């Protein structure tokens, strides 16, 4: 694994500029972990935009205060185990699998598995402290492998706090998952 080192943003330095410079020094397959001093929606959004969208690199933000608040050995172990699952997933690993015999019992032969698509859909709503008028995020995921462990997703913004996915969004996202 390549380690690009670390850097710290001080004072008024522009986060977007600093991140862009850092991502330009990284290889495309690198994975970047950003430790935020506290929960900061604006900084999180900037990191995700600069890394995941602009640079095409996986990023993960860790809230330093949240990691410090984990009391007790079990709570700390669970917190860091959850982080490890996220890193493994973003690195393309499988966090769990079903044995072939079990898959065959559920779905039949490997041939039928190659013709099966499992879909999931959800809507995430703005959290407490979000800006007024913040949208909800609707998404649909679909399996892309015959072990049903890897998913591609589609997302759309819709009116905040609306639980049902807009029909036109839902149809277009389903079509995208079928095409991929």
Protein backbone atom coordinates (compact mmCIF):
# COMPACT_ATOMS: atom_id res chain seq x y z
CA UNK A 1 0.00 0.00 0.00
CA UNK A 2 1.30 3.43 -0.94
CA UNK A 3 1.22 6.00 1.84
CA UNK A 4 1.17 9.55 0.57
CA UNK A 5 1.99 10.93 3.97
CA UNK A 6 -0.15 13.28 5.94
CA UNK A 7 -0.86 16.96 5.93
CA UNK A 8 -2.63 19.33 8.25
CA UNK A 9 -4.73 22.30 7.24
CA UNK A 10 -4.16 25.29 9.47
CA UNK A 11 -6.14 28.48 9.88
CA UNK A 12 -7.73 29.94 6.79
CA UNK A 13 -6.12 27.62 4.25
CA UNK A 14 -8.69 26.58 1.68
CA UNK A 15 -9.71 22.95 2.20
CA UNK A 16 -10.67 22.45 -1.46
CA UNK A 17 -7.27 23.72 -2.68
CA UNK A 18 -5.33 21.63 -0.17
CA UNK A 19 -7.28 18.46 -0.99
CA UNK A 20 -6.96 18.97 -4.74
CA UNK A 21 -3.18 19.32 -4.38
CA UNK A 22 -3.03 16.19 -2.22
CA UNK A 23 -5.17 14.13 -4.60
CA UNK A 24 -3.04 15.25 -7.55
CA UNK A 25 -0.05 13.63 -5.81
CA UNK A 26 -1.86 10.32 -5.34
CA UNK A 27 -2.26 7.39 -7.66
CA UNK A 28 -5.79 6.61 -8.84
CA UNK A 29 -5.97 3.39 -6.82
CA UNK A 30 -5.06 5.13 -3.56
CA UNK A 31 -7.47 5.28 -0.67
CA UNK A 32 -7.50 8.42 1.43
CA UNK A 33 -8.56 8.67 5.07
CA UNK A 34 -9.37 12.16 6.33
CA UNK A 35 -9.58 12.76 10.07
CA UNK A 36 -11.87 15.66 10.91
CA UNK A 37 -11.49 17.35 14.31
CA UNK A 38 -15.24 17.16 14.81
CA UNK A 39 -18.40 16.41 12.84
CA UNK A 40 -18.37 19.01 10.06
CA UNK A 41 -20.87 18.60 7.22
CA UNK A 42 -19.21 21.27 5.03
CA UNK A 43 -15.74 19.73 5.38
CA UNK A 44 -17.16 16.24 4.79
CA UNK A 45 -18.91 17.42 1.60
CA UNK A 46 -15.73 19.11 0.38
CA UNK A 47 -13.66 15.96 0.96
CA UNK A 48 -16.20 13.76 -0.84
CA UNK A 49 -16.50 16.16 -3.77
CA UNK A 50 -12.73 16.62 -4.17
CA UNK A 51 -11.88 12.94 -3.68
CA UNK A 52 -14.71 10.70 -4.78
CA UNK A 53 -16.14 12.90 -7.54
CA UNK A 54 -13.33 15.08 -8.93
CA UNK A 55 -10.24 12.89 -8.34
CA UNK A 56 -12.06 9.56 -8.61
CA UNK A 57 -10.51 8.25 -5.39
CA UNK A 58 -12.12 6.47 -2.49
CA UNK A 59 -12.20 8.60 0.64
CA UNK A 60 -13.30 7.98 4.18
CA UNK A 61 -13.84 10.67 6.80
CA UNK A 62 -13.35 9.87 10.46
CA UNK A 63 -14.74 12.13 13.17
CA UNK A 64 -11.89 12.37 15.70
CA UNK A 65 -14.27 13.28 18.52
CA UNK A 66 -16.50 10.28 17.81
CA UNK A 67 -13.55 7.90 17.83
CA UNK A 68 -12.36 9.36 21.14
CA UNK A 69 -15.84 9.07 22.70
CA UNK A 70 -15.91 5.27 22.38
CA UNK A 71 -15.83 4.14 26.01
CA UNK A 72 -14.77 0.67 26.94
CA UNK A 73 -12.82 -1.96 25.09
CA UNK A 74 -15.89 -3.48 23.40
CA UNK A 75 -17.21 -0.13 22.10
CA UNK A 76 -13.79 0.82 20.70
CA UNK A 77 -13.40 -2.61 19.08
CA UNK A 78 -16.84 -2.33 17.45
CA UNK A 79 -16.15 1.20 16.21
CA UNK A 80 -12.86 0.26 14.58
CA UNK A 81 -14.25 -3.04 13.25
CA UNK A 82 -16.96 -1.01 11.50
CA UNK A 83 -14.29 1.27 10.01
CA UNK A 84 -12.36 -1.79 8.81
CA UNK A 85 -15.49 -3.16 7.09
CA UNK A 86 -15.93 0.17 5.28
CA UNK A 87 -12.29 0.27 4.17
CA UNK A 88 -12.44 -3.33 2.93
CA UNK A 89 -15.64 -2.65 0.98
CA UNK A 90 -14.22 0.51 -0.62
CA UNK A 91 -11.06 -1.42 -1.52
CA UNK A 92 -13.17 -3.97 -3.42
CA UNK A 93 -13.12 -6.74 -0.82
CA UNK A 94 -15.99 -8.95 0.31
CA UNK A 95 -17.05 -8.51 3.92
CA UNK A 96 -19.15 -11.69 3.83
CA UNK A 97 -20.19 -14.34 1.34
CA UNK A 98 -22.63 -17.18 1.00
CA UNK A 99 -21.29 -20.63 0.23
CA UNK A 100 -22.04 -21.89 -3.28
CA UNK A 101 -24.21 -24.70 -1.87
CA UNK A 102 -26.35 -22.15 -0.02
CA UNK A 103 -26.65 -19.93 -3.10
CA UNK A 104 -27.66 -22.92 -5.19
CA UNK A 105 -30.41 -23.80 -2.68
CA UNK A 106 -31.78 -20.26 -2.87
CA UNK A 107 -31.30 -19.39 -6.54
CA UNK A 108 -30.49 -22.58 -8.37
CA UNK A 109 -27.46 -23.19 -10.55
CA UNK A 110 -24.66 -20.76 -11.28
CA UNK A 111 -26.28 -20.19 -14.67
CA UNK A 112 -29.44 -18.82 -13.08
CA UNK A 113 -27.33 -16.72 -10.71
CA UNK A 114 -25.77 -15.03 -13.75
CA UNK A 115 -29.30 -14.06 -14.80
CA UNK A 116 -30.39 -12.76 -11.38
CA UNK A 117 -30.26 -9.15 -10.22
CA UNK A 118 -30.93 -8.23 -6.60
CA UNK A 119 -32.05 -4.64 -6.09
CA UNK A 120 -32.33 -2.47 -3.00
CA UNK A 121 -33.73 1.03 -2.58
CA UNK A 122 -33.69 3.61 0.19
CA UNK A 123 -34.11 7.30 0.90
CA UNK A 124 -31.77 9.17 3.25
CA UNK A 125 -33.06 12.37 4.79
CA UNK A 126 -31.24 15.49 5.99
CA UNK A 127 -30.07 15.10 9.57
CA UNK A 128 -30.48 17.41 12.51
CA UNK A 129 -28.53 20.59 11.92
CA UNK A 130 -28.78 20.36 8.13
CA UNK A 131 -29.44 23.48 6.14
CA UNK A 132 -33.08 24.47 5.66
CA UNK A 133 -34.45 23.03 2.43
CA UNK A 134 -31.75 20.34 2.21
CA UNK A 135 -32.83 17.56 -0.16
CA UNK A 136 -33.30 13.89 0.60
CA UNK A 137 -31.17 11.40 -1.34
CA UNK A 138 -32.95 8.53 -3.06
CA UNK A 139 -30.89 5.59 -4.27
CA UNK A 140 -31.19 2.18 -5.86
CA UNK A 141 -28.44 -0.44 -5.77
CA UNK A 142 -28.15 -3.59 -7.86
CA UNK A 143 -25.83 -6.57 -7.75
CA UNK A 144 -23.09 -6.84 -10.36
CA UNK A 145 -21.62 -10.24 -9.50
CA UNK A 146 -23.00 -13.75 -9.22
CA UNK A 147 -22.18 -13.96 -5.50
CA UNK A 148 -24.44 -10.94 -4.83
CA UNK A 149 -21.82 -9.13 -2.76
CA UNK A 150 -20.91 -6.23 -5.06
CA UNK A 151 -23.37 -3.50 -5.89
CA UNK A 152 -23.42 -0.46 -8.15
CA UNK A 153 -25.75 2.35 -7.26
CA UNK A 154 -27.72 5.22 -8.72
CA UNK A 155 -28.89 8.24 -6.77
CA UNK A 156 -31.12 11.24 -7.21
CA UNK A 157 -31.91 14.27 -5.10
CA UNK A 158 -35.54 14.85 -4.23
CA UNK A 159 -37.61 17.03 -1.93
CA UNK A 160 -36.38 16.84 1.65
CA UNK A 161 -38.06 14.41 4.04
CA UNK A 162 -40.08 12.72 1.29
CA UNK A 163 -40.04 9.01 2.09
CA UNK A 164 -41.20 7.55 -1.23
CA UNK A 165 -38.85 7.75 -4.19
CA UNK A 166 -40.22 9.94 -6.99
CA UNK A 167 -41.62 7.59 -9.63
CA UNK A 168 -39.60 9.07 -12.51
CA UNK A 169 -36.40 8.84 -10.44
CA UNK A 170 -37.20 5.28 -9.40
CA UNK A 171 -37.82 4.13 -12.97
CA UNK A 172 -34.66 5.75 -14.33
CA UNK A 173 -32.50 4.31 -11.53
CA UNK A 174 -33.92 0.81 -12.05
CA UNK A 175 -33.13 1.08 -15.78
CA UNK A 176 -29.56 2.14 -14.95
CA UNK A 177 -29.09 -0.86 -12.65
CA UNK A 178 -30.43 -3.25 -15.31
CA UNK A 179 -28.11 -1.78 -17.96
CA UNK A 180 -25.01 -2.03 -15.76
